[in-house]
Structures are given as C-alpha cells and as structure tokens.
PDB file of N, CA and C in Angstrom:
ATOM      1  N   MET A   1       7.567  -3.486   5.654  1.00  0.00           N
ATOM      2  CA  MET A   1       7.969  -2.240   5.059  1.00  0.00           C
ATOM      3  C   MET A   1       9.012  -1.528   5.918  1.00  0.00           C
ATOM      4  N   LEU A   2       8.770  -1.504   7.187  1.00  0.00           N
ATOM      5  CA  LEU A   2       9.711  -0.838   8.062  1.00  0.00           C
ATOM      6  C   LEU A   2      10.860  -1.769   8.371  1.00  0.00           C
ATOM      7  N   GLY A   3      12.030  -1.205   8.545  1.00  0.00           N
ATOM      8  CA  GLY A   3      13.215  -2.022   8.771  1.00  0.00           C
ATOM      9  C   GLY A   3      13.235  -2.659  10.137  1.00  0.00           C
ATOM     10  N   ASP A   4      14.208  -3.539  10.330  1.00  0.00           N
ATOM     11  CA  ASP A   4      14.353  -4.224  11.608  1.00  0.00           C
ATOM     12  C   ASP A   4      14.819  -3.274  12.705  1.00  0.00           C
ATOM     13  N   GLY A   5      15.365  -2.115  12.339  1.00  0.00           N
ATOM     14  CA  GLY A   5      15.882  -1.180  13.315  1.00  0.00           C
ATOM     15  C   GLY A   5      14.810  -0.324  13.969  1.00  0.00           C
ATOM     16  N   ILE A   6      13.569  -0.539  13.661  1.00  0.00           N
ATOM     17  CA  ILE A   6      12.481   0.257  14.228  1.00  0.00           C
ATOM     18  C   ILE A   6      12.249  -0.183  15.670  1.00  0.00           C
ATOM     19  N   THR A   7      12.292   0.780  16.593  1.00  0.00           N
ATOM     20  CA  THR A   7      12.142   0.430  17.998  1.00  0.00           C
ATOM     21  C   THR A   7      10.894   1.034  18.631  1.00  0.00           C
ATOM     22  N   LYS A   8      10.285   2.010  17.992  1.00  0.00           N
ATOM     23  CA  LYS A   8       9.110   2.645  18.571  1.00  0.00           C
ATOM     24  C   LYS A   8       7.877   1.778  18.367  1.00  0.00           C
ATOM     25  N   LEU A   9       6.973   1.841  19.320  1.00  0.00           N
ATOM     26  CA  LEU A   9       5.703   1.131  19.193  1.00  0.00           C
ATOM     27  C   LEU A   9       4.658   1.990  18.496  1.00  0.00           C
ATOM     28  N   TYR A  10       4.717   3.296  18.702  1.00  0.00           N
ATOM     29  CA  TYR A  10       3.711   4.194  18.160  1.00  0.00           C
ATOM     30  C   TYR A  10       4.380   5.397  17.503  1.00  0.00           C
ATOM     31  N   TYR A  11       3.744   5.876  16.437  1.00  0.00           N
ATOM     32  CA  TYR A  11       4.244   7.016  15.685  1.00  0.00           C
ATOM     33  C   TYR A  11       3.138   8.045  15.544  1.00  0.00           C
ATOM     34  N   THR A  12       3.520   9.313  15.536  1.00  0.00           N
ATOM     35  CA  THR A  12       2.539  10.373  15.331  1.00  0.00           C
ATOM     36  C   THR A  12       2.186  10.452  13.849  1.00  0.00           C
ATOM     37  N   ILE A  13       1.109  11.156  13.559  1.00  0.00           N
ATOM     38  CA  ILE A  13       0.694  11.303  12.166  1.00  0.00           C
ATOM     39  C   ILE A  13       1.755  12.063  11.364  1.00  0.00           C
ATOM     40  N   GLY A  14       2.440  13.001  11.997  1.00  0.00           N
ATOM     41  CA  GLY A  14       3.508  13.734  11.321  1.00  0.00           C
ATOM     42  C   GLY A  14       4.680  12.834  10.965  1.00  0.00           C
ATOM     43  N   GLU A  15       5.040  11.943  11.895  1.00  0.00           N
ATOM     44  CA  GLU A  15       6.131  11.002  11.624  1.00  0.00           C
ATOM     45  C   GLU A  15       5.762  10.049  10.488  1.00  0.00           C
ATOM     46  N   VAL A  16       4.525   9.579  10.498  1.00  0.00           N
ATOM     47  CA  VAL A  16       4.074   8.664   9.443  1.00  0.00           C
ATOM     48  C   VAL A  16       4.056   9.388   8.103  1.00  0.00           C
ATOM     49  N   GLY A  17       3.577  10.612   8.093  1.00  0.00           N
ATOM     50  CA  GLY A  17       3.570  11.391   6.861  1.00  0.00           C
ATOM     51  C   GLY A  17       4.968  11.549   6.287  1.00  0.00           C
ATOM     52  N   SER A  18       5.937  11.809   7.154  1.00  0.00           N
ATOM     53  CA  SER A  18       7.326  11.927   6.696  1.00  0.00           C
ATOM     54  C   SER A  18       7.856  10.602   6.173  1.00  0.00           C
ATOM     55  N   LEU A  19       7.518   9.511   6.850  1.00  0.00           N
ATOM     56  CA  LEU A  19       7.985   8.185   6.427  1.00  0.00           C
ATOM     57  C   LEU A  19       7.470   7.810   5.044  1.00  0.00           C
ATOM     58  N   VAL A  20       6.194   8.062   4.792  1.00  0.00           N
ATOM     59  CA  VAL A  20       5.586   7.606   3.539  1.00  0.00           C
ATOM     60  C   VAL A  20       5.567   8.676   2.455  1.00  0.00           C
ATOM     61  N   GLY A  21       5.910   9.907   2.807  1.00  0.00           N
ATOM     62  CA  GLY A  21       5.942  10.969   1.809  1.00  0.00           C
ATOM     63  C   GLY A  21       4.582  11.551   1.478  1.00  0.00           C
ATOM     64  N   GLU A  22       3.712  11.622   2.465  1.00  0.00           N
ATOM     65  CA  GLU A  22       2.376  12.204   2.273  1.00  0.00           C
ATOM     66  C   GLU A  22       2.128  13.246   3.356  1.00  0.00           C
ATOM     67  N   GLU A  23       1.300  14.223   3.027  1.00  0.00           N
ATOM     68  CA  GLU A  23       0.907  15.236   4.002  1.00  0.00           C
ATOM     69  C   GLU A  23      -0.062  14.621   5.014  1.00  0.00           C
ATOM     70  N   THR A  24      -0.115  15.208   6.198  1.00  0.00           N
ATOM     71  CA  THR A  24      -0.980  14.662   7.247  1.00  0.00           C
ATOM     72  C   THR A  24      -2.456  14.737   6.867  1.00  0.00           C
ATOM     73  N   HIS A  25      -2.848  15.767   6.131  1.00  0.00           N
ATOM     74  CA  HIS A  25      -4.260  15.864   5.743  1.00  0.00           C
ATOM     75  C   HIS A  25      -4.645  14.720   4.803  1.00  0.00           C
ATOM     76  N   VAL A  26      -3.685  14.235   4.014  1.00  0.00           N
ATOM     77  CA  VAL A  26      -3.947  13.100   3.127  1.00  0.00           C
ATOM     78  C   VAL A  26      -4.172  11.842   3.961  1.00  0.00           C
ATOM     79  N   LEU A  27      -3.358  11.644   4.995  1.00  0.00           N
ATOM     80  CA  LEU A  27      -3.522  10.473   5.870  1.00  0.00           C
ATOM     81  C   LEU A  27      -4.879  10.513   6.571  1.00  0.00           C
ATOM     82  N   ARG A  28      -5.278  11.694   7.034  1.00  0.00           N
ATOM     83  CA  ARG A  28      -6.590  11.809   7.682  1.00  0.00           C
ATOM     84  C   ARG A  28      -7.711  11.504   6.686  1.00  0.00           C
ATOM     85  N   TYR A  29      -7.562  11.952   5.449  1.00  0.00           N
ATOM     86  CA  TYR A  29      -8.564  11.662   4.419  1.00  0.00           C
ATOM     87  C   TYR A  29      -8.627  10.165   4.153  1.00  0.00           C
ATOM     88  N   TRP A  30      -7.465   9.517   4.041  1.00  0.00           N
ATOM     89  CA  TRP A  30      -7.443   8.073   3.798  1.00  0.00           C
ATOM     90  C   TRP A  30      -8.153   7.314   4.910  1.00  0.00           C
ATOM     91  N   GLU A  31      -8.078   7.825   6.142  1.00  0.00           N
ATOM     92  CA  GLU A  31      -8.794   7.169   7.246  1.00  0.00           C
ATOM     93  C   GLU A  31     -10.299   7.155   6.986  1.00  0.00           C
ATOM     94  N   THR A  32     -10.805   8.178   6.317  1.00  0.00           N
ATOM     95  CA  THR A  32     -12.243   8.220   6.029  1.00  0.00           C
ATOM     96  C   THR A  32     -12.604   7.330   4.845  1.00  0.00           C
ATOM     97  N   GLU A  33     -11.648   7.059   3.970  1.00  0.00           N
ATOM     98  CA  GLU A  33     -11.912   6.293   2.748  1.00  0.00           C
ATOM     99  C   GLU A  33     -11.602   4.804   2.874  1.00  0.00           C
ATOM    100  N   PHE A  34     -10.720   4.442   3.790  1.00  0.00           N
ATOM    101  CA  PHE A  34     -10.302   3.050   3.946  1.00  0.00           C
ATOM    102  C   PHE A  34     -10.632   2.579   5.362  1.00  0.00           C
ATOM    103  N   PRO A  35     -11.684   1.772   5.498  1.00  0.00           N
ATOM    104  CA  PRO A  35     -12.092   1.330   6.835  1.00  0.00           C
ATOM    105  C   PRO A  35     -11.018   0.511   7.548  1.00  0.00           C
ATOM    106  N   GLN A  36     -10.078  -0.051   6.797  1.00  0.00           N
ATOM    107  CA  GLN A  36      -9.012  -0.846   7.403  1.00  0.00           C
ATOM    108  C   GLN A  36      -8.024   0.035   8.175  1.00  0.00           C
ATOM    109  N   LEU A  37      -7.935   1.304   7.817  1.00  0.00           N
ATOM    110  CA  LEU A  37      -6.975   2.220   8.426  1.00  0.00           C
ATOM    111  C   LEU A  37      -7.632   2.938   9.598  1.00  0.00           C
ATOM    112  N   LYS A  38      -7.366   2.442  10.791  1.00  0.00           N
ATOM    113  CA  LYS A  38      -7.946   3.016  11.999  1.00  0.00           C
ATOM    114  C   LYS A  38      -6.865   3.149  13.076  1.00  0.00           C
ATOM    115  N   PRO A  39      -6.025   4.182  12.984  1.00  0.00           N
ATOM    116  CA  PRO A  39      -5.021   4.347  14.036  1.00  0.00           C
ATOM    117  C   PRO A  39      -5.703   4.663  15.366  1.00  0.00           C
ATOM    118  N   ARG A  40      -5.064   4.237  16.428  1.00  0.00           N
ATOM    119  CA  ARG A  40      -5.603   4.525  17.761  1.00  0.00           C
ATOM    120  C   ARG A  40      -5.393   5.988  18.089  1.00  0.00           C
ATOM    121  N   LYS A  41      -6.048   6.413  19.142  1.00  0.00           N
ATOM    122  CA  LYS A  41      -5.820   7.762  19.650  1.00  0.00           C
ATOM    123  C   LYS A  41      -5.317   7.643  21.082  1.00  0.00           C
ATOM    124  N   ASN A  42      -4.349   8.480  21.420  1.00  0.00           N
ATOM    125  CA  ASN A  42      -3.812   8.452  22.778  1.00  0.00           C
ATOM    126  C   ASN A  42      -4.725   9.244  23.713  1.00  0.00           C
ATOM    127  N   ARG A  43      -4.309   9.373  24.951  1.00  0.00           N
ATOM    128  CA  ARG A  43      -5.148  10.063  25.943  1.00  0.00           C
ATOM    129  C   ARG A  43      -5.438  11.508  25.563  1.00  0.00           C
ATOM    130  N   ALA A  44      -4.504  12.110  24.847  1.00  0.00           N
ATOM    131  CA  ALA A  44      -4.684  13.504  24.423  1.00  0.00           C
ATOM    132  C   ALA A  44      -5.550  13.614  23.171  1.00  0.00           C
ATOM    133  N   GLY A  45      -5.934  12.473  22.598  1.00  0.00           N
ATOM    134  CA  GLY A  45      -6.768  12.485  21.405  1.00  0.00           C
ATOM    135  C   GLY A  45      -5.989  12.538  20.101  1.00  0.00           C
ATOM    136  N   ASN A  46      -4.663  12.416  20.193  1.00  0.00           N
ATOM    137  CA  ASN A  46      -3.827  12.431  18.988  1.00  0.00           C
ATOM    138  C   ASN A  46      -3.739  11.038  18.384  1.00  0.00           C
ATOM    139  N   ARG A  47      -3.701  10.974  17.064  1.00  0.00           N
ATOM    140  CA  ARG A  47      -3.566   9.685  16.376  1.00  0.00           C
ATOM    141  C   ARG A  47      -2.187   9.101  16.651  1.00  0.00           C
ATOM    142  N   VAL A  48      -2.171   7.798  16.907  1.00  0.00           N
ATOM    143  CA  VAL A  48      -0.902   7.082  17.040  1.00  0.00           C
ATOM    144  C   VAL A  48      -0.965   5.848  16.149  1.00  0.00           C
ATOM    145  N   TYR A  49       0.039   5.701  15.325  1.00  0.00           N
ATOM    146  CA  TYR A  49       0.097   4.625  14.338  1.00  0.00           C
ATOM    147  C   TYR A  49       1.057   3.544  14.803  1.00  0.00           C
ATOM    148  N   THR A  50       0.644   2.287  14.633  1.00  0.00           N
ATOM    149  CA  THR A  50       1.519   1.149  14.904  1.00  0.00           C
ATOM    150  C   THR A  50       2.274   0.805  13.623  1.00  0.00           C
ATOM    151  N   ASN A  51       3.231  -0.112  13.732  1.00  0.00           N
ATOM    152  CA  ASN A  51       3.956  -0.569  12.544  1.00  0.00           C
ATOM    153  C   ASN A  51       2.996  -1.175  11.523  1.00  0.00           C
ATOM    154  N   GLU A  52       1.971  -1.889  11.990  1.00  0.00           N
ATOM    155  CA  GLU A  52       0.984  -2.479  11.081  1.00  0.00           C
ATOM    156  C   GLU A  52       0.195  -1.391  10.358  1.00  0.00           C
ATOM    157  N   ASP A  53      -0.162  -0.331  11.085  1.00  0.00           N
ATOM    158  CA  ASP A  53      -0.859   0.795  10.454  1.00  0.00           C
ATOM    159  C   ASP A  53       0.009   1.423   9.366  1.00  0.00           C
ATOM    160  N   ILE A  54       1.294   1.563   9.655  1.00  0.00           N
ATOM    161  CA  ILE A  54       2.215   2.178   8.696  1.00  0.00           C
ATOM    162  C   ILE A  54       2.367   1.294   7.463  1.00  0.00           C
ATOM    163  N   ASP A  55       2.445  -0.010   7.658  1.00  0.00           N
ATOM    164  CA  ASP A  55       2.508  -0.923   6.508  1.00  0.00           C
ATOM    165  C   ASP A  55       1.274  -0.755   5.629  1.00  0.00           C
ATOM    166  N   LEU A  56       0.110  -0.607   6.250  1.00  0.00           N
ATOM    167  CA  LEU A  56      -1.125  -0.410   5.494  1.00  0.00           C
ATOM    168  C   LEU A  56      -1.087   0.915   4.737  1.00  0.00           C
ATOM    169  N   VAL A  57      -0.578   1.957   5.364  1.00  0.00           N
ATOM    170  CA  VAL A  57      -0.464   3.257   4.694  1.00  0.00           C
ATOM    171  C   VAL A  57       0.445   3.139   3.473  1.00  0.00           C
ATOM    172  N   PHE A  58       1.563   2.411   3.614  1.00  0.00           N
ATOM    173  CA  PHE A  58       2.451   2.193   2.467  1.00  0.00           C
ATOM    174  C   PHE A  58       1.717   1.455   1.344  1.00  0.00           C
ATOM    175  N   ARG A  59       0.913   0.443   1.693  1.00  0.00           N
ATOM    176  CA  ARG A  59       0.161  -0.301   0.664  1.00  0.00           C
ATOM    177  C   ARG A  59      -0.849   0.600  -0.032  1.00  0.00           C
ATOM    178  N   ILE A  60      -1.561   1.408   0.755  1.00  0.00           N
ATOM    179  CA  ILE A  60      -2.540   2.333   0.175  1.00  0.00           C
ATOM    180  C   ILE A  60      -1.833   3.319  -0.752  1.00  0.00           C
ATOM    181  N   ARG A  61      -0.722   3.861  -0.303  1.00  0.00           N
ATOM    182  CA  ARG A  61       0.026   4.816  -1.120  1.00  0.00           C
ATOM    183  C   ARG A  61       0.479   4.175  -2.431  1.00  0.00           C
ATOM    184  N   ARG A  62       0.989   2.958  -2.351  1.00  0.00           N
ATOM    185  CA  ARG A  62       1.452   2.273  -3.559  1.00  0.00           C
ATOM    186  C   ARG A  62       0.297   2.046  -4.532  1.00  0.00           C
ATOM    187  N   LEU A  63      -0.844   1.595  -4.014  1.00  0.00           N
ATOM    188  CA  LEU A  63      -2.002   1.347  -4.876  1.00  0.00           C
ATOM    189  C   LEU A  63      -2.477   2.628  -5.559  1.00  0.00           C
ATOM    190  N   LEU A  64      -2.513   3.727  -4.820  1.00  0.00           N
ATOM    191  CA  LEU A  64      -3.020   4.981  -5.372  1.00  0.00           C
ATOM    192  C   LEU A  64      -1.995   5.709  -6.234  1.00  0.00           C
ATOM    193  N   ARG A  65      -0.775   5.807  -5.767  1.00  0.00           N
ATOM    194  CA  ARG A  65       0.235   6.636  -6.443  1.00  0.00           C
ATOM    195  C   ARG A  65       1.002   5.883  -7.525  1.00  0.00           C
ATOM    196  N   GLU A  66       1.425   4.662  -7.243  1.00  0.00           N
ATOM    197  CA  GLU A  66       2.255   3.920  -8.195  1.00  0.00           C
ATOM    198  C   GLU A  66       1.420   3.084  -9.155  1.00  0.00           C
ATOM    199  N   ASP A  67       0.453   2.353  -8.615  1.00  0.00           N
ATOM    200  CA  ASP A  67      -0.363   1.470  -9.454  1.00  0.00           C
ATOM    201  C   ASP A  67      -1.550   2.200 -10.074  1.00  0.00           C
ATOM    202  N   LYS A  68      -1.774   3.461  -9.658  1.00  0.00           N
ATOM    203  CA  LYS A  68      -2.799   4.333 -10.250  1.00  0.00           C
ATOM    204  C   LYS A  68      -4.230   3.818 -10.094  1.00  0.00           C
ATOM    205  N   TYR A  69      -4.513   3.156  -8.968  1.00  0.00           N
ATOM    206  CA  TYR A  69      -5.882   2.737  -8.692  1.00  0.00           C
ATOM    207  C   TYR A  69      -6.701   3.941  -8.253  1.00  0.00           C
ATOM    208  N   THR A  70      -8.000   3.883  -8.501  1.00  0.00           N
ATOM    209  CA  THR A  70      -8.911   4.859  -7.915  1.00  0.00           C
ATOM    210  C   THR A  70      -9.081   4.489  -6.442  1.00  0.00           C
ATOM    211  N   LEU A  71      -9.735   5.356  -5.685  1.00  0.00           N
ATOM    212  CA  LEU A  71      -9.998   5.025  -4.280  1.00  0.00           C
ATOM    213  C   LEU A  71     -10.790   3.731  -4.178  1.00  0.00           C
ATOM    214  N   GLU A  72     -11.832   3.609  -5.006  1.00  0.00           N
ATOM    215  CA  GLU A  72     -12.655   2.394  -4.976  1.00  0.00           C
ATOM    216  C   GLU A  72     -11.836   1.171  -5.373  1.00  0.00           C
ATOM    217  N   GLY A  73     -11.024   1.306  -6.398  1.00  0.00           N
ATOM    218  CA  GLY A  73     -10.190   0.188  -6.837  1.00  0.00           C
ATOM    219  C   GLY A  73      -9.198  -0.232  -5.768  1.00  0.00           C
ATOM    220  N   ALA A  74      -8.606   0.742  -5.091  1.00  0.00           N
ATOM    221  CA  ALA A  74      -7.661   0.433  -4.016  1.00  0.00           C
ATOM    222  C   ALA A  74      -8.376  -0.267  -2.864  1.00  0.00           C
ATOM    223  N   ARG A  75      -9.583   0.207  -2.537  1.00  0.00           N
ATOM    224  CA  ARG A  75     -10.368  -0.456  -1.481  1.00  0.00           C
ATOM    225  C   ARG A  75     -10.636  -1.906  -1.853  1.00  0.00           C
ATOM    226  N   GLN A  76     -11.013  -2.137  -3.105  1.00  0.00           N
ATOM    227  CA  GLN A  76     -11.292  -3.506  -3.550  1.00  0.00           C
ATOM    228  C   GLN A  76     -10.041  -4.373  -3.482  1.00  0.00           C
ATOM    229  N   GLN A  77      -8.906  -3.825  -3.872  1.00  0.00           N
ATOM    230  CA  GLN A  77      -7.658  -4.589  -3.809  1.00  0.00           C
ATOM    231  C   GLN A  77      -7.333  -4.965  -2.363  1.00  0.00           C
ATOM    232  N   LEU A  78      -7.509  -4.024  -1.455  1.00  0.00           N
ATOM    233  CA  LEU A  78      -7.241  -4.321  -0.047  1.00  0.00           C
ATOM    234  C   LEU A  78      -8.233  -5.344   0.487  1.00  0.00           C
ATOM    235  N   ASP A  79      -9.489  -5.257   0.047  1.00  0.00           N
ATOM    236  CA  ASP A  79     -10.506  -6.214   0.491  1.00  0.00           C
ATOM    237  C   ASP A  79     -10.219  -7.617  -0.023  1.00  0.00           C
ATOM    238  N   ARG A  80      -9.638  -7.709  -1.208  1.00  0.00           N
ATOM    239  CA  ARG A  80      -9.343  -9.019  -1.804  1.00  0.00           C
ATOM    240  C   ARG A  80      -8.235  -9.752  -1.067  1.00  0.00           C
ATOM    241  N   GLY A  81      -7.450  -9.021  -0.341  1.00  0.00           N
ATOM    242  CA  GLY A  81      -6.420  -9.683   0.445  1.00  0.00           C
ATOM    243  C   GLY A  81      -5.019  -9.299   0.040  1.00  0.00           C
ATOM    244  N   GLU A  82      -4.120  -9.743   0.836  1.00  0.00           N
ATOM    245  CA  GLU A  82      -2.710  -9.387   0.714  1.00  0.00           C
ATOM    246  C   GLU A  82      -2.113  -9.779  -0.628  1.00  0.00           C
ATOM    247  N   ALA A  83      -2.365 -10.968  -1.098  1.00  0.00           N
ATOM    248  CA  ALA A  83      -1.695 -11.455  -2.309  1.00  0.00           C
ATOM    249  C   ALA A  83      -2.029 -10.596  -3.518  1.00  0.00           C
ATOM    250  N   SER A  84      -3.300 -10.280  -3.708  1.00  0.00           N
ATOM    251  CA  SER A  84      -3.655  -9.489  -4.885  1.00  0.00           C
ATOM    252  C   SER A  84      -3.211  -8.040  -4.734  1.00  0.00           C
ATOM    253  N   ALA A  85      -3.192  -7.531  -3.522  1.00  0.00           N
ATOM    254  CA  ALA A  85      -2.777  -6.147  -3.315  1.00  0.00           C
ATOM    255  C   ALA A  85      -1.281  -5.976  -3.535  1.00  0.00           C
ATOM    256  N   LEU A  86      -0.521  -7.045  -3.362  1.00  0.00           N
ATOM    257  CA  LEU A  86       0.923  -6.939  -3.511  1.00  0.00           C
ATOM    258  C   LEU A  86       1.380  -6.977  -4.961  1.00  0.00           C
ATOM    259  N   MET A  87       0.531  -7.365  -5.888  1.00  0.00           N
ATOM    260  CA  MET A  87       0.941  -7.400  -7.288  1.00  0.00           C
ATOM    261  C   MET A  87       0.927  -5.978  -7.836  1.00  0.00           C
ATOM    262  N   THR A  88       2.093  -5.490  -8.163  1.00  0.00           N
ATOM    263  CA  THR A  88       2.217  -4.126  -8.652  1.00  0.00           C
ATOM    264  C   THR A  88       2.058  -4.081 -10.160  1.00  0.00           C
ATOM    265  N   ALA A  89       2.010  -2.876 -10.686  1.00  0.00           N
ATOM    266  CA  ALA A  89       1.935  -2.706 -12.138  1.00  0.00           C
ATOM    267  C   ALA A  89       3.167  -3.310 -12.801  1.00  0.00           C
ATOM    268  N   ALA A  90       4.326  -3.171 -12.164  1.00  0.00           N
ATOM    269  CA  ALA A  90       5.555  -3.757 -12.716  1.00  0.00           C
ATOM    270  C   ALA A  90       5.454  -5.279 -12.757  1.00  0.00           C
ATOM    271  N   ASP A  91       4.867  -5.870 -11.721  1.00  0.00           N
ATOM    272  CA  ASP A  91       4.677  -7.327 -11.708  1.00  0.00           C
ATOM    273  C   ASP A  91       3.785  -7.755 -12.864  1.00  0.00           C
ATOM    274  N   ARG A  92       2.721  -7.001 -13.094  1.00  0.00           N
ATOM    275  CA  ARG A  92       1.806  -7.335 -14.184  1.00  0.00           C
ATOM    276  C   ARG A  92       2.486  -7.197 -15.544  1.00  0.00           C
ATOM    277  N   ARG A  93       3.312  -6.156 -15.704  1.00  0.00           N
ATOM    278  CA  ARG A  93       4.068  -5.986 -16.949  1.00  0.00           C
ATOM    279  C   ARG A  93       5.025  -7.145 -17.162  1.00  0.00           C
ATOM    280  N   ASP A  94       5.719  -7.539 -16.086  1.00  0.00           N
ATOM    281  CA  ASP A  94       6.656  -8.662 -16.188  1.00  0.00           C
ATOM    282  C   ASP A  94       5.935  -9.939 -16.599  1.00  0.00           C
ATOM    283  N   LEU A  95       4.772 -10.181 -16.020  1.00  0.00           N
ATOM    284  CA  LEU A  95       4.007 -11.375 -16.383  1.00  0.00           C
ATOM    285  C   LEU A  95       3.542 -11.318 -17.833  1.00  0.00           C
ATOM    286  N   LYS A  96       3.136 -10.140 -18.283  1.00  0.00           N
ATOM    287  CA  LYS A  96       2.702  -9.987 -19.671  1.00  0.00           C
ATOM    288  C   LYS A  96       3.875 -10.231 -20.617  1.00  0.00           C
ATOM    289  N   ASP A  97       5.051  -9.681 -20.276  1.00  0.00           N
ATOM    290  CA  ASP A  97       6.242  -9.897 -21.101  1.00  0.00           C
ATOM    291  C   ASP A  97       6.623 -11.368 -21.142  1.00  0.00           C
ATOM    292  N   LEU A  98       6.537 -12.042 -20.007  1.00  0.00           N
ATOM    293  CA  LEU A  98       6.850 -13.468 -19.950  1.00  0.00           C
ATOM    294  C   LEU A  98       5.876 -14.259 -20.811  1.00  0.00           C
ATOM    295  N   ARG A  99       4.606 -13.912 -20.740  1.00  0.00           N
ATOM    296  CA  ARG A  99       3.603 -14.607 -21.560  1.00  0.00           C
ATOM    297  C   ARG A  99       3.898 -14.418 -23.044  1.00  0.00           C
ATOM    298  N   THR A 100       4.217 -13.185 -23.439  1.00  0.00           N
ATOM    299  CA  THR A 100       4.546 -12.906 -24.843  1.00  0.00           C
ATOM    300  C   THR A 100       5.749 -13.727 -25.285  1.00  0.00           C
ATOM    301  N   PHE A 101       6.771 -13.784 -24.450  1.00  0.00           N
ATOM    302  CA  PHE A 101       7.963 -14.567 -24.763  1.00  0.00           C
ATOM    303  C   PHE A 101       7.617 -16.039 -24.935  1.00  0.00           C
ATOM    304  N   LEU A 102       6.816 -16.573 -24.024  1.00  0.00           N
ATOM    305  CA  LEU A 102       6.461 -17.992 -24.095  1.00  0.00           C
ATOM    306  C   LEU A 102       5.611 -18.304 -25.327  1.00  0.00           C
ATOM    307  N   VAL A 103       4.711 -17.402 -25.689  1.00  0.00           N
ATOM    308  CA  VAL A 103       3.893 -17.608 -26.893  1.00  0.00           C
ATOM    309  C   VAL A 103       4.785 -17.622 -28.131  1.00  0.00           C
ATOM    310  N   ARG A 104       5.741 -16.698 -28.206  1.00  0.00           N
ATOM    311  CA  ARG A 104       6.666 -16.672 -29.349  1.00  0.00           C
ATOM    312  C   ARG A 104       7.523 -17.931 -29.391  1.00  0.00           C
ATOM    313  N   LEU A 105       7.977 -18.371 -28.240  1.00  0.00           N
ATOM    314  CA  LEU A 105       8.781 -19.592 -28.173  1.00  0.00           C
ATOM    315  C   LEU A 105       7.966 -20.792 -28.628  1.00  0.00           C
ATOM    316  N   LEU A 106       6.731 -20.864 -28.211  1.00  0.00           N
ATOM    317  CA  LEU A 106       5.850 -21.955 -28.622  1.00  0.00           C
ATOM    318  C   LEU A 106       5.613 -21.927 -30.133  1.00  0.00           C
ATOM    319  N   ASP A 107       5.463 -20.735 -30.704  1.00  0.00           N
ATOM    320  CA  ASP A 107       5.288 -20.608 -32.154  1.00  0.00           C
ATOM    321  C   ASP A 107       6.524 -21.098 -32.910  1.00  0.00           C
ATOM    322  N   ARG A 108       7.701 -20.834 -32.383  1.00  0.00           N
ATOM    323  CA  ARG A 108       8.941 -21.302 -33.021  1.00  0.00           C
ATOM    324  C   ARG A 108       9.042 -22.822 -32.995  1.00  0.00           C
ATOM    325  N   ILE A 109       8.593 -23.403 -31.898  1.00  0.00           N
ATOM    326  CA  ILE A 109       8.675 -24.860 -31.749  1.00  0.00           C
ATOM    327  C   ILE A 109       7.739 -25.539 -32.731  1.00  0.00           C
ATOM    328  N   LYS A 110       6.601 -24.954 -32.982  1.00  0.00           N
ATOM    329  CA  LYS A 110       5.606 -25.552 -33.885  1.00  0.00           C
ATOM    330  C   LYS A 110       6.134 -25.467 -35.255  1.00  0.00           C
TER     331      LYS A 110
END
C-alpha cells in the first residue's frame, strides 16, 4: 500500500490517521475490534505503527468503508487470509458480469 519512497520505520497514530483518512479515535477503536491490529508502544507509551500495521489498517478501512462489511464480516475476511480479503466489491461485480457474458455466449452457441 505504501510507496517505495517510504523511509520511516515507525509512524504515530496521527500520521497513520492522515494517511488512511480516519480519525485517531477510529484507529484506537479498530485496535479493540481487530486482534490482528496491535501497534507497538514506544517508551513514552505512544502507539507506533509499522508499514505492515499501516497496510492492515488500509485493508480494514477498505473492508468496512468500501466493501461495506460489518465489523464481524471484516474480521472473518481477515481471518480467512489475504486472498479472500483482497477481493473487493468491484472484483465481485466484474466476475458476475463476466459470468453473465459467458452464459449468454454459451446460449448463442447452442
């Protein structure tokens, strides 16, 4: 998700919120709802996010905001693994359209 130009190892919760377009209180809430999201804390007790944490936040955001999953549904998608979580609503629509096209083509051939 993050570009090749990223040089920092750790990001604050405010920086992550700005990157993904969510308020910090939403990120803190997601930490309570998604066991996979566990940013470290520095010596001062502040959350610090790695690039992997940020990628996970982007996936959670996409599942909840774009694909319209419930919290439970998003958790299940993340639990099922990377491949199923990466299929977006647009991907599913494209597959449905392709199936419809192929069925019509098959009907013409018959």
